[in-house]
């Protein structure tokens, strides 16, 4: 009997979603920095490597308690025959853990300056924390989702409350957003992939324009996804409407068939039809309805019968009855 082992960052990783119900899950806790430093000090003593306690603490914080990353760094320092000091650790851990940078972390670093604790954990000095261009560009590139990062910046920057009567900062942001779109479209349409290396630097200007410690943390942008869902729903409506017209071979729908191209249905036929089937009728007794309203109602019924449109009675979330137009 063979046994398979799968490693995931969390138990909810998508790679093991189908095996979660039948697999035995073993969770490994992240070691405490003090325990990791003690273990690293013992290894340095066995290998004859001079190590400073502050340097080992710095290494554990920069590596985010990743024991394998700490060992790899110590091995590299040992091959160079150097002592483990804070300066050596800072130089050896430049760009460490950037491969695991998430899009959420990139957004927060763009709109929220580094705190003193974060600067200390990253092994940076005060002057180094002020040099943000290369650091943020590396994070954007390491995230692997440059377009998603820029989409999040576009969705979030307008919600920030900054006192700027002249709107200069928003105009600057618009210029950089437009430049990113131009470079991105040029790269994909003309296959000019040489500009890819410059695109992360178009996200960086968002930091000096909007970064503030009082800014809220950036959430996942949902406007783009909501628009995508609405567009998909509208596409299904357009297909159903076209199918009703094509399926009816009678003389009533023959005059509509030249309107079934996608551009005409989306821009002209469907919007005007929606206005036709939504006339300003008064909810009054049929005995007091006006002749003009009767003619309007008769025309509405004829159009709906011709296009096979109908109202379906349903219940909403509150349990109240409502009528939904189908399709």
C-alpha atoms as a PDB file:
ATOM      1  CA  UNK A   1       0.000   0.000   0.000  1.00  0.00           C
ATOM      2  CA  UNK A   2       1.506   3.309  -1.088  1.00  0.00           C
ATOM      3  CA  UNK A   3       1.155   6.456   0.965  1.00  0.00           C
ATOM      4  CA  UNK A   4       1.047   9.925  -0.554  1.00  0.00           C
ATOM      5  CA  UNK A   5       2.105  13.073   1.260  1.00  0.00           C
ATOM      6  CA  UNK A   6       0.911  16.526   0.211  1.00  0.00           C
ATOM      7  CA  UNK A   7       2.317  19.750   1.598  1.00  0.00           C
ATOM      8  CA  UNK A   8       0.210  22.911   1.642  1.00  0.00           C
ATOM      9  CA  UNK A   9       0.525  26.349   3.156  1.00  0.00           C
ATOM     10  CA  UNK A  10      -2.861  25.939   4.859  1.00  0.00           C
ATOM     11  CA  UNK A  11      -5.392  23.155   5.193  1.00  0.00           C
ATOM     12  CA  UNK A  12      -7.670  25.104   2.848  1.00  0.00           C
ATOM     13  CA  UNK A  13      -5.168  25.067  -0.035  1.00  0.00           C
ATOM     14  CA  UNK A  14      -6.867  24.473  -3.400  1.00  0.00           C
ATOM     15  CA  UNK A  15      -4.376  21.743  -4.297  1.00  0.00           C
ATOM     16  CA  UNK A  16      -5.803  19.393  -1.635  1.00  0.00           C
ATOM     17  CA  UNK A  17      -9.446  20.523  -1.690  1.00  0.00           C
ATOM     18  CA  UNK A  18     -10.711  17.213  -3.152  1.00  0.00           C
ATOM     19  CA  UNK A  19      -8.578  15.090  -0.803  1.00  0.00           C
ATOM     20  CA  UNK A  20      -9.412  16.943   2.397  1.00  0.00           C
ATOM     21  CA  UNK A  21     -12.359  14.703   3.273  1.00  0.00           C
ATOM     22  CA  UNK A  22     -10.376  11.432   3.035  1.00  0.00           C
ATOM     23  CA  UNK A  23      -6.921  12.600   4.070  1.00  0.00           C
ATOM     24  CA  UNK A  24      -5.325  12.768   7.480  1.00  0.00           C
ATOM     25  CA  UNK A  25      -4.342  16.367   8.134  1.00  0.00           C
ATOM     26  CA  UNK A  26      -1.292  17.095  10.277  1.00  0.00           C
ATOM     27  CA  UNK A  27      -0.798  20.734  11.169  1.00  0.00           C
ATOM     28  CA  UNK A  28       2.684  22.100  11.875  1.00  0.00           C
ATOM     29  CA  UNK A  29       2.815  25.159  14.060  1.00  0.00           C
ATOM     30  CA  UNK A  30       5.177  28.004  13.253  1.00  0.00           C
ATOM     31  CA  UNK A  31       8.077  27.897  15.759  1.00  0.00           C
ATOM     32  CA  UNK A  32       8.451  30.719  18.243  1.00  0.00           C
ATOM     33  CA  UNK A  33      11.394  33.021  17.340  1.00  0.00           C
ATOM     34  CA  UNK A  34      13.057  32.428  20.722  1.00  0.00           C
ATOM     35  CA  UNK A  35      13.054  28.655  20.175  1.00  0.00           C
ATOM     36  CA  UNK A  36      14.332  29.095  16.638  1.00  0.00           C
ATOM     37  CA  UNK A  37      17.159  31.391  17.785  1.00  0.00           C
ATOM     38  CA  UNK A  38      18.224  28.873  20.436  1.00  0.00           C
ATOM     39  CA  UNK A  39      18.301  26.101  17.844  1.00  0.00           C
ATOM     40  CA  UNK A  40      20.281  28.235  15.380  1.00  0.00           C
ATOM     41  CA  UNK A  41      22.793  29.125  18.101  1.00  0.00           C
ATOM     42  CA  UNK A  42      23.373  25.429  18.812  1.00  0.00           C
ATOM     43  CA  UNK A  43      23.939  24.754  15.107  1.00  0.00           C
ATOM     44  CA  UNK A  44      26.422  27.643  14.856  1.00  0.00           C
ATOM     45  CA  UNK A  45      28.377  26.287  17.837  1.00  0.00           C
ATOM     46  CA  UNK A  46      28.585  22.819  16.273  1.00  0.00           C
ATOM     47  CA  UNK A  47      29.720  24.242  12.904  1.00  0.00           C
ATOM     48  CA  UNK A  48      32.217  26.621  14.507  1.00  0.00           C
ATOM     49  CA  UNK A  49      30.416  29.719  13.244  1.00  0.00           C
ATOM     50  CA  UNK A  50      30.583  32.860  15.339  1.00  0.00           C
ATOM     51  CA  UNK A  51      27.083  34.263  15.680  1.00  0.00           C
ATOM     52  CA  UNK A  52      25.595  37.235  17.480  1.00  0.00           C
ATOM     53  CA  UNK A  53      22.271  36.739  19.271  1.00  0.00           C
ATOM     54  CA  UNK A  54      20.862  39.937  17.783  1.00  0.00           C
ATOM     55  CA  UNK A  55      21.879  38.784  14.319  1.00  0.00           C
ATOM     56  CA  UNK A  56      20.163  35.409  14.803  1.00  0.00           C
ATOM     57  CA  UNK A  57      17.002  37.147  16.055  1.00  0.00           C
ATOM     58  CA  UNK A  58      17.090  39.385  13.007  1.00  0.00           C
ATOM     59  CA  UNK A  59      17.507  36.341  10.742  1.00  0.00           C
ATOM     60  CA  UNK A  60      14.525  34.579  12.354  1.00  0.00           C
ATOM     61  CA  UNK A  61      12.308  37.648  11.928  1.00  0.00           C
ATOM     62  CA  UNK A  62      13.305  38.249   8.311  1.00  0.00           C
ATOM     63  CA  UNK A  63      12.762  34.582   7.441  1.00  0.00           C
ATOM     64  CA  UNK A  64       9.369  34.649   9.223  1.00  0.00           C
ATOM     65  CA  UNK A  65      10.426  31.693  11.398  1.00  0.00           C
ATOM     66  CA  UNK A  66      11.227  29.579   8.336  1.00  0.00           C
ATOM     67  CA  UNK A  67      13.835  27.143   9.669  1.00  0.00           C
ATOM     68  CA  UNK A  68      14.950  25.973   6.229  1.00  0.00           C
ATOM     69  CA  UNK A  69      15.438  29.556   5.040  1.00  0.00           C
ATOM     70  CA  UNK A  70      17.553  30.315   8.119  1.00  0.00           C
ATOM     71  CA  UNK A  71      19.729  27.260   7.506  1.00  0.00           C
ATOM     72  CA  UNK A  72      20.261  28.179   3.862  1.00  0.00           C
ATOM     73  CA  UNK A  73      21.323  31.686   4.851  1.00  0.00           C
ATOM     74  CA  UNK A  74      23.724  30.422   7.524  1.00  0.00           C
ATOM     75  CA  UNK A  75      25.183  27.932   5.053  1.00  0.00           C
ATOM     76  CA  UNK A  76      25.822  30.702   2.535  1.00  0.00           C
ATOM     77  CA  UNK A  77      27.488  32.847   5.218  1.00  0.00           C
ATOM     78  CA  UNK A  78      29.606  29.888   6.343  1.00  0.00           C
ATOM     79  CA  UNK A  79      30.869  29.206   2.808  1.00  0.00           C
ATOM     80  CA  UNK A  80      32.067  32.810   2.617  1.00  0.00           C
ATOM     81  CA  UNK A  81      33.928  32.333   5.914  1.00  0.00           C
ATOM     82  CA  UNK A  82      32.185  35.276   7.553  1.00  0.00           C
ATOM     83  CA  UNK A  83      30.832  35.847  11.028  1.00  0.00           C
ATOM     84  CA  UNK A  84      27.082  36.145  11.601  1.00  0.00           C
ATOM     85  CA  UNK A  85      26.517  39.833  12.300  1.00  0.00           C
ATOM     86  CA  UNK A  86      23.552  42.096  11.707  1.00  0.00           C
ATOM     87  CA  UNK A  87      25.194  43.717   8.679  1.00  0.00           C
ATOM     88  CA  UNK A  88      26.014  40.362   7.101  1.00  0.00           C
ATOM     89  CA  UNK A  89      22.463  39.085   7.742  1.00  0.00           C
ATOM     90  CA  UNK A  90      20.911  42.191   6.154  1.00  0.00           C
ATOM     91  CA  UNK A  91      23.056  41.775   3.039  1.00  0.00           C
ATOM     92  CA  UNK A  92      22.406  38.043   2.826  1.00  0.00           C
ATOM     93  CA  UNK A  93      18.638  38.289   3.203  1.00  0.00           C
ATOM     94  CA  UNK A  94      17.938  40.955   0.578  1.00  0.00           C
ATOM     95  CA  UNK A  95      14.803  39.858  -1.298  1.00  0.00           C
ATOM     96  CA  UNK A  96      14.257  36.884   1.040  1.00  0.00           C
ATOM     97  CA  UNK A  97      10.668  35.525   1.174  1.00  0.00           C
ATOM     98  CA  UNK A  98       9.622  37.737  -1.741  1.00  0.00           C
ATOM     99  CA  UNK A  99       8.531  34.659  -3.671  1.00  0.00           C
ATOM    100  CA  UNK A 100       5.693  34.263  -1.152  1.00  0.00           C
ATOM    101  CA  UNK A 101       4.478  37.858  -1.437  1.00  0.00           C
ATOM    102  CA  UNK A 102       0.696  37.989  -1.669  1.00  0.00           C
ATOM    103  CA  UNK A 103      -1.349  40.563  -3.527  1.00  0.00           C
ATOM    104  CA  UNK A 104      -2.921  41.687  -0.240  1.00  0.00           C
ATOM    105  CA  UNK A 105       0.521  42.381   1.252  1.00  0.00           C
ATOM    106  CA  UNK A 106       1.548  44.401  -1.805  1.00  0.00           C
ATOM    107  CA  UNK A 107      -1.581  46.583  -1.557  1.00  0.00           C
ATOM    108  CA  UNK A 108      -1.003  47.263   2.125  1.00  0.00           C
ATOM    109  CA  UNK A 109       2.668  48.156   1.570  1.00  0.00           C
ATOM    110  CA  UNK A 110       1.680  50.584  -1.207  1.00  0.00           C
ATOM    111  CA  UNK A 111      -0.991  52.464   0.757  1.00  0.00           C
ATOM    112  CA  UNK A 112       0.345  52.066   4.325  1.00  0.00           C
ATOM    113  CA  UNK A 113       3.929  53.017   5.312  1.00  0.00           C
ATOM    114  CA  UNK A 114       6.085  50.506   7.145  1.00  0.00           C
ATOM    115  CA  UNK A 115       5.739  50.551  10.915  1.00  0.00           C
ATOM    116  CA  UNK A 116       8.796  50.546  13.168  1.00  0.00           C
ATOM    117  CA  UNK A 117       8.157  46.944  14.138  1.00  0.00           C
ATOM    118  CA  UNK A 118       7.891  45.917  10.477  1.00  0.00           C
ATOM    119  CA  UNK A 119      11.141  47.730   9.670  1.00  0.00           C
ATOM    120  CA  UNK A 120      12.856  45.898  12.495  1.00  0.00           C
ATOM    121  CA  UNK A 121      11.467  42.512  11.431  1.00  0.00           C
ATOM    122  CA  UNK A 122      12.621  43.085   7.854  1.00  0.00           C
ATOM    123  CA  UNK A 123      16.146  43.862   9.054  1.00  0.00           C
ATOM    124  CA  UNK A 124      16.161  47.383   7.642  1.00  0.00           C
ATOM    125  CA  UNK A 125      17.616  50.576   9.003  1.00  0.00           C
ATOM    126  CA  UNK A 126      15.767  53.879   9.179  1.00  0.00           C
ATOM    127  CA  UNK A 127      17.389  55.176   6.003  1.00  0.00           C
ATOM    128  CA  UNK A 128      16.723  51.953   4.118  1.00  0.00           C
ATOM    129  CA  UNK A 129      13.018  52.069   5.009  1.00  0.00           C
ATOM    130  CA  UNK A 130      12.733  55.430   3.242  1.00  0.00           C
ATOM    131  CA  UNK A 131      14.056  53.948  -0.016  1.00  0.00           C
ATOM    132  CA  UNK A 132      10.853  52.424  -1.294  1.00  0.00           C
ATOM    133  CA  UNK A 133      11.192  52.353  -5.092  1.00  0.00           C
ATOM    134  CA  UNK A 134      13.193  49.161  -5.597  1.00  0.00           C
ATOM    135  CA  UNK A 135      11.572  47.460  -2.601  1.00  0.00           C
ATOM    136  CA  UNK A 136       8.020  47.983  -3.850  1.00  0.00           C
ATOM    137  CA  UNK A 137       8.956  47.196  -7.463  1.00  0.00           C
ATOM    138  CA  UNK A 138      10.427  43.855  -6.363  1.00  0.00           C
ATOM    139  CA  UNK A 139       7.280  43.074  -4.357  1.00  0.00           C
ATOM    140  CA  UNK A 140       4.972  43.877  -7.288  1.00  0.00           C
ATOM    141  CA  UNK A 141       7.047  41.724  -9.617  1.00  0.00           C
ATOM    142  CA  UNK A 142       7.339  38.873  -7.094  1.00  0.00           C
ATOM    143  CA  UNK A 143       3.557  38.762  -6.571  1.00  0.00           C
ATOM    144  CA  UNK A 144       3.102  37.520 -10.147  1.00  0.00           C
ATOM    145  CA  UNK A 145      -0.238  39.345 -10.413  1.00  0.00           C
ATOM    146  CA  UNK A 146       0.757  42.773 -11.665  1.00  0.00           C
ATOM    147  CA  UNK A 147      -2.580  43.434 -13.368  1.00  0.00           C
ATOM    148  CA  UNK A 148      -4.482  42.436 -10.240  1.00  0.00           C
ATOM    149  CA  UNK A 149      -2.315  44.729  -8.109  1.00  0.00           C
ATOM    150  CA  UNK A 150      -3.058  47.672 -10.393  1.00  0.00           C
ATOM    151  CA  UNK A 151      -6.776  46.810 -10.443  1.00  0.00           C
ATOM    152  CA  UNK A 152      -6.799  46.898  -6.640  1.00  0.00           C
ATOM    153  CA  UNK A 153      -5.025  50.266  -6.631  1.00  0.00           C
ATOM    154  CA  UNK A 154      -7.577  51.635  -9.086  1.00  0.00           C
ATOM    155  CA  UNK A 155     -10.482  50.393  -6.943  1.00  0.00           C
ATOM    156  CA  UNK A 156      -9.031  51.624  -3.645  1.00  0.00           C
ATOM    157  CA  UNK A 157      -7.419  55.013  -4.249  1.00  0.00           C
ATOM    158  CA  UNK A 158     -10.700  56.846  -4.855  1.00  0.00           C
ATOM    159  CA  UNK A 159     -12.060  55.714  -1.457  1.00  0.00           C
ATOM    160  CA  UNK A 160      -9.198  57.330   0.482  1.00  0.00           C
ATOM    161  CA  UNK A 161     -10.200  60.544   2.245  1.00  0.00           C
ATOM    162  CA  UNK A 162      -7.456  63.079   1.622  1.00  0.00           C
ATOM    163  CA  UNK A 163      -7.877  66.849   1.793  1.00  0.00           C
ATOM    164  CA  UNK A 164      -6.879  67.975  -1.676  1.00  0.00           C
ATOM    165  CA  UNK A 165      -9.139  70.726  -3.120  1.00  0.00           C
ATOM    166  CA  UNK A 166      -7.068  70.926  -6.308  1.00  0.00           C
ATOM    167  CA  UNK A 167      -7.266  67.151  -6.914  1.00  0.00           C
ATOM    168  CA  UNK A 168      -3.616  67.134  -7.976  1.00  0.00           C
ATOM    169  CA  UNK A 169      -2.863  63.788  -6.369  1.00  0.00           C
ATOM    170  CA  UNK A 170      -5.820  62.160  -8.104  1.00  0.00           C
ATOM    171  CA  UNK A 171      -4.716  63.591 -11.450  1.00  0.00           C
ATOM    172  CA  UNK A 172      -1.235  62.176 -10.890  1.00  0.00           C
ATOM    173  CA  UNK A 173      -2.726  58.785 -10.066  1.00  0.00           C
ATOM    174  CA  UNK A 174      -4.826  58.895 -13.236  1.00  0.00           C
ATOM    175  CA  UNK A 175      -1.734  59.600 -15.334  1.00  0.00           C
ATOM    176  CA  UNK A 176       0.115  56.599 -13.922  1.00  0.00           C
ATOM    177  CA  UNK A 177      -2.943  54.368 -14.331  1.00  0.00           C
ATOM    178  CA  UNK A 178      -3.275  55.459 -17.959  1.00  0.00           C
ATOM    179  CA  UNK A 179       0.428  54.870 -18.577  1.00  0.00           C
ATOM    180  CA  UNK A 180       0.155  51.371 -17.125  1.00  0.00           C
ATOM    181  CA  UNK A 181      -2.802  50.579 -19.415  1.00  0.00           C
ATOM    182  CA  UNK A 182      -0.940  51.895 -22.472  1.00  0.00           C
ATOM    183  CA  UNK A 183       2.184  49.893 -21.697  1.00  0.00           C
ATOM    184  CA  UNK A 184       0.158  46.784 -20.910  1.00  0.00           C
ATOM    185  CA  UNK A 185      -1.901  46.958 -24.111  1.00  0.00           C
ATOM    186  CA  UNK A 186       1.186  47.693 -26.219  1.00  0.00           C
ATOM    187  CA  UNK A 187       3.033  44.760 -24.700  1.00  0.00           C
ATOM    188  CA  UNK A 188       0.215  42.328 -25.466  1.00  0.00           C
ATOM    189  CA  UNK A 189      -0.903  43.573 -28.873  1.00  0.00           C
ATOM    190  CA  UNK A 190       2.513  44.278 -30.376  1.00  0.00           C
ATOM    191  CA  UNK A 191       4.382  41.636 -28.325  1.00  0.00           C
ATOM    192  CA  UNK A 192       6.824  44.210 -26.998  1.00  0.00           C
ATOM    193  CA  UNK A 193       7.762  42.236 -23.881  1.00  0.00           C
ATOM    194  CA  UNK A 194      10.824  44.369 -23.330  1.00  0.00           C
ATOM    195  CA  UNK A 195       8.609  46.904 -21.514  1.00  0.00           C
ATOM    196  CA  UNK A 196       7.582  44.299 -18.918  1.00  0.00           C
ATOM    197  CA  UNK A 197      10.554  45.131 -16.712  1.00  0.00           C
ATOM    198  CA  UNK A 198       9.426  48.768 -16.432  1.00  0.00           C
ATOM    199  CA  UNK A 199       5.777  48.109 -15.571  1.00  0.00           C
ATOM    200  CA  UNK A 200       6.257  47.440 -11.809  1.00  0.00           C
ATOM    201  CA  UNK A 201       7.674  50.950 -11.470  1.00  0.00           C
ATOM    202  CA  UNK A 202       4.337  52.393 -12.643  1.00  0.00           C
ATOM    203  CA  UNK A 203       2.647  50.992  -9.523  1.00  0.00           C
ATOM    204  CA  UNK A 204       5.246  52.460  -7.154  1.00  0.00           C
ATOM    205  CA  UNK A 205       4.128  56.142  -7.533  1.00  0.00           C
ATOM    206  CA  UNK A 206       0.929  55.267  -5.682  1.00  0.00           C
ATOM    207  CA  UNK A 207       3.044  55.123  -2.502  1.00  0.00           C
ATOM    208  CA  UNK A 208       4.233  58.769  -2.344  1.00  0.00           C
ATOM    209  CA  UNK A 209       0.838  59.999  -3.549  1.00  0.00           C
ATOM    210  CA  UNK A 210      -1.490  58.128  -1.152  1.00  0.00           C
ATOM    211  CA  UNK A 211       0.561  56.335   1.534  1.00  0.00           C
ATOM    212  CA  UNK A 212      -0.610  57.255   5.023  1.00  0.00           C
ATOM    213  CA  UNK A 213      -0.533  55.405   8.324  1.00  0.00           C
ATOM    214  CA  UNK A 214      -4.220  56.285   8.863  1.00  0.00           C
ATOM    215  CA  UNK A 215      -5.345  54.513   5.700  1.00  0.00           C
ATOM    216  CA  UNK A 216      -7.442  51.369   6.187  1.00  0.00           C
ATOM    217  CA  UNK A 217      -6.157  48.040   4.986  1.00  0.00           C
ATOM    218  CA  UNK A 218      -6.974  47.234   1.407  1.00  0.00           C
ATOM    219  CA  UNK A 219      -9.629  44.586   0.821  1.00  0.00           C
ATOM    220  CA  UNK A 220     -10.102  42.466  -2.249  1.00  0.00           C
ATOM    221  CA  UNK A 221     -11.732  44.567  -4.980  1.00  0.00           C
ATOM    222  CA  UNK A 222     -15.190  43.213  -5.768  1.00  0.00           C
ATOM    223  CA  UNK A 223     -16.423  45.777  -8.279  1.00  0.00           C
ATOM    224  CA  UNK A 224     -14.617  44.097 -11.154  1.00  0.00           C
ATOM    225  CA  UNK A 225     -16.012  40.672 -10.231  1.00  0.00           C
ATOM    226  CA  UNK A 226     -19.535  42.043  -9.710  1.00  0.00           C
ATOM    227  CA  UNK A 227     -19.444  43.683 -13.145  1.00  0.00           C
ATOM    228  CA  UNK A 228     -18.216  40.397 -14.621  1.00  0.00           C
ATOM    229  CA  UNK A 229     -21.107  38.493 -13.015  1.00  0.00           C
ATOM    230  CA  UNK A 230     -23.645  41.066 -14.256  1.00  0.00           C
ATOM    231  CA  UNK A 231     -22.168  40.907 -17.756  1.00  0.00           C
ATOM    232  CA  UNK A 232     -22.457  37.112 -17.774  1.00  0.00           C
ATOM    233  CA  UNK A 233     -26.078  37.327 -16.608  1.00  0.00           C
ATOM    234  CA  UNK A 234     -26.882  39.867 -19.315  1.00  0.00           C
ATOM    235  CA  UNK A 235     -25.244  37.641 -21.939  1.00  0.00           C
ATOM    236  CA  UNK A 236     -27.547  34.789 -20.912  1.00  0.00           C
ATOM    237  CA  UNK A 237     -30.552  37.108 -21.209  1.00  0.00           C
ATOM    238  CA  UNK A 238     -29.493  38.213 -24.681  1.00  0.00           C
ATOM    239  CA  UNK A 239     -29.041  34.600 -25.788  1.00  0.00           C
ATOM    240  CA  UNK A 240     -32.459  33.611 -24.414  1.00  0.00           C
ATOM    241  CA  UNK A 241     -34.105  36.568 -26.109  1.00  0.00           C
ATOM    242  CA  UNK A 242     -32.476  35.750 -29.441  1.00  0.00           C
ATOM    243  CA  UNK A 243     -33.416  32.088 -29.026  1.00  0.00           C
ATOM    244  CA  UNK A 244     -37.078  32.977 -28.500  1.00  0.00           C
ATOM    245  CA  UNK A 245     -37.151  35.015 -31.699  1.00  0.00           C
ATOM    246  CA  UNK A 246     -35.344  32.366 -33.760  1.00  0.00           C
ATOM    247  CA  UNK A 247     -37.459  29.491 -32.406  1.00  0.00           C
ATOM    248  CA  UNK A 248     -40.716  31.190 -33.449  1.00  0.00           C
ATOM    249  CA  UNK A 249     -41.158  30.637 -37.169  1.00  0.00           C
ATOM    250  CA  UNK A 250     -44.414  32.583 -37.323  1.00  0.00           C
ATOM    251  CA  UNK A 251     -45.083  35.851 -39.030  1.00  0.00           C
ATOM    252  CA  UNK A 252     -44.969  37.863 -35.780  1.00  0.00           C
ATOM    253  CA  UNK A 253     -41.217  37.543 -35.168  1.00  0.00           C
ATOM    254  CA  UNK A 254     -40.055  37.812 -38.758  1.00  0.00           C
ATOM    255  CA  UNK A 255     -39.744  41.587 -38.459  1.00  0.00           C
ATOM    256  CA  UNK A 256     -37.370  41.239 -35.474  1.00  0.00           C
ATOM    257  CA  UNK A 257     -34.833  38.820 -36.928  1.00  0.00           C
ATOM    258  CA  UNK A 258     -32.671  41.514 -38.506  1.00  0.00           C
ATOM    259  CA  UNK A 259     -32.090  42.861 -34.978  1.00  0.00           C
ATOM    260  CA  UNK A 260     -30.482  39.679 -33.612  1.00  0.00           C
ATOM    261  CA  UNK A 261     -26.820  40.546 -34.157  1.00  0.00           C
ATOM    262  CA  UNK A 262     -24.997  40.855 -30.843  1.00  0.00           C
ATOM    263  CA  UNK A 263     -24.132  44.539 -31.214  1.00  0.00           C
ATOM    264  CA  UNK A 264     -27.705  45.526 -32.095  1.00  0.00           C
ATOM    265  CA  UNK A 265     -29.256  43.370 -29.352  1.00  0.00           C
ATOM    266  CA  UNK A 266     -26.998  44.839 -26.672  1.00  0.00           C
ATOM    267  CA  UNK A 267     -27.049  48.488 -27.759  1.00  0.00           C
ATOM    268  CA  UNK A 268     -30.473  48.955 -29.354  1.00  0.00           C
ATOM    269  CA  UNK A 269     -32.985  46.099 -29.275  1.00  0.00           C
ATOM    270  CA  UNK A 270     -32.834  45.010 -25.611  1.00  0.00           C
ATOM    271  CA  UNK A 271     -32.732  48.511 -24.013  1.00  0.00           C
ATOM    272  CA  UNK A 272     -35.633  49.821 -26.118  1.00  0.00           C
ATOM    273  CA  UNK A 273     -37.615  46.624 -25.568  1.00  0.00           C
ATOM    274  CA  UNK A 274     -37.146  47.037 -21.825  1.00  0.00           C
ATOM    275  CA  UNK A 275     -38.693  50.508 -22.040  1.00  0.00           C
ATOM    276  CA  UNK A 276     -41.589  49.247 -24.174  1.00  0.00           C
ATOM    277  CA  UNK A 277     -42.564  46.506 -21.711  1.00  0.00           C
ATOM    278  CA  UNK A 278     -42.335  48.943 -18.761  1.00  0.00           C
ATOM    279  CA  UNK A 279     -45.054  51.493 -19.589  1.00  0.00           C
ATOM    280  CA  UNK A 280     -46.271  54.056 -17.019  1.00  0.00           C
ATOM    281  CA  UNK A 281     -49.515  52.240 -16.161  1.00  0.00           C
ATOM    282  CA  UNK A 282     -51.475  53.132 -13.023  1.00  0.00           C
ATOM    283  CA  UNK A 283     -52.382  50.310 -10.601  1.00  0.00           C
ATOM    284  CA  UNK A 284     -56.111  51.084 -10.660  1.00  0.00           C
ATOM    285  CA  UNK A 285     -59.351  49.179 -11.190  1.00  0.00           C
ATOM    286  CA  UNK A 286     -59.954  47.985 -14.742  1.00  0.00           C
ATOM    287  CA  UNK A 287     -63.293  49.845 -14.748  1.00  0.00           C
ATOM    288  CA  UNK A 288     -61.654  53.269 -14.456  1.00  0.00           C
ATOM    289  CA  UNK A 289     -58.723  52.715 -16.747  1.00  0.00           C
ATOM    290  CA  UNK A 290     -58.398  55.160 -19.624  1.00  0.00           C
ATOM    291  CA  UNK A 291     -58.750  54.124 -23.308  1.00  0.00           C
ATOM    292  CA  UNK A 292     -55.168  55.207 -23.980  1.00  0.00           C
ATOM    293  CA  UNK A 293     -53.936  52.999 -21.164  1.00  0.00           C
ATOM    294  CA  UNK A 294     -55.993  50.076 -22.472  1.00  0.00           C
ATOM    295  CA  UNK A 295     -54.388  50.444 -25.892  1.00  0.00           C
ATOM    296  CA  UNK A 296     -50.957  50.653 -24.297  1.00  0.00           C
ATOM    297  CA  UNK A 297     -51.632  47.514 -22.235  1.00  0.00           C
ATOM    298  CA  UNK A 298     -52.900  45.618 -25.301  1.00  0.00           C
ATOM    299  CA  UNK A 299     -49.777  46.578 -27.232  1.00  0.00           C
ATOM    300  CA  UNK A 300     -47.624  45.452 -24.304  1.00  0.00           C
ATOM    301  CA  UNK A 301     -49.329  42.041 -24.202  1.00  0.00           C
ATOM    302  CA  UNK A 302     -48.955  41.601 -27.972  1.00  0.00           C
ATOM    303  CA  UNK A 303     -45.222  42.360 -27.810  1.00  0.00           C
ATOM    304  CA  UNK A 304     -44.667  39.960 -24.917  1.00  0.00           C
ATOM    305  CA  UNK A 305     -46.637  37.169 -26.605  1.00  0.00           C
ATOM    306  CA  UNK A 306     -44.761  37.741 -29.848  1.00  0.00           C
ATOM    307  CA  UNK A 307     -41.351  37.479 -28.156  1.00  0.00           C
ATOM    308  CA  UNK A 308     -42.415  34.771 -25.658  1.00  0.00           C
ATOM    309  CA  UNK A 309     -41.837  37.016 -22.668  1.00  0.00           C
ATOM    310  CA  UNK A 310     -43.697  36.273 -19.471  1.00  0.00           C
ATOM    311  CA  UNK A 311     -43.806  37.231 -15.822  1.00  0.00           C
ATOM    312  CA  UNK A 312     -43.014  34.415 -13.357  1.00  0.00           C
ATOM    313  CA  UNK A 313     -44.260  34.680  -9.774  1.00  0.00           C
ATOM    314  CA  UNK A 314     -41.542  34.109  -7.167  1.00  0.00           C
ATOM    315  CA  UNK A 315     -40.759  34.877  -3.550  1.00  0.00           C
ATOM    316  CA  UNK A 316     -37.955  37.210  -2.564  1.00  0.00           C
ATOM    317  CA  UNK A 317     -35.658  36.861   0.453  1.00  0.00           C
ATOM    318  CA  UNK A 318     -38.312  38.377   2.740  1.00  0.00           C
ATOM    319  CA  UNK A 319     -40.947  35.887   1.616  1.00  0.00           C
ATOM    320  CA  UNK A 320     -42.985  38.426  -0.336  1.00  0.00           C
ATOM    321  CA  UNK A 321     -44.399  37.557  -3.733  1.00  0.00           C
ATOM    322  CA  UNK A 322     -42.870  39.254  -6.747  1.00  0.00           C
ATOM    323  CA  UNK A 323     -42.956  38.910 -10.516  1.00  0.00           C
ATOM    324  CA  UNK A 324     -39.772  38.280 -12.475  1.00  0.00           C
ATOM    325  CA  UNK A 325     -39.502  38.805 -16.219  1.00  0.00           C
ATOM    326  CA  UNK A 326     -38.429  35.642 -18.051  1.00  0.00           C
ATOM    327  CA  UNK A 327     -36.105  35.732 -19.878  1.00  0.00           C
END
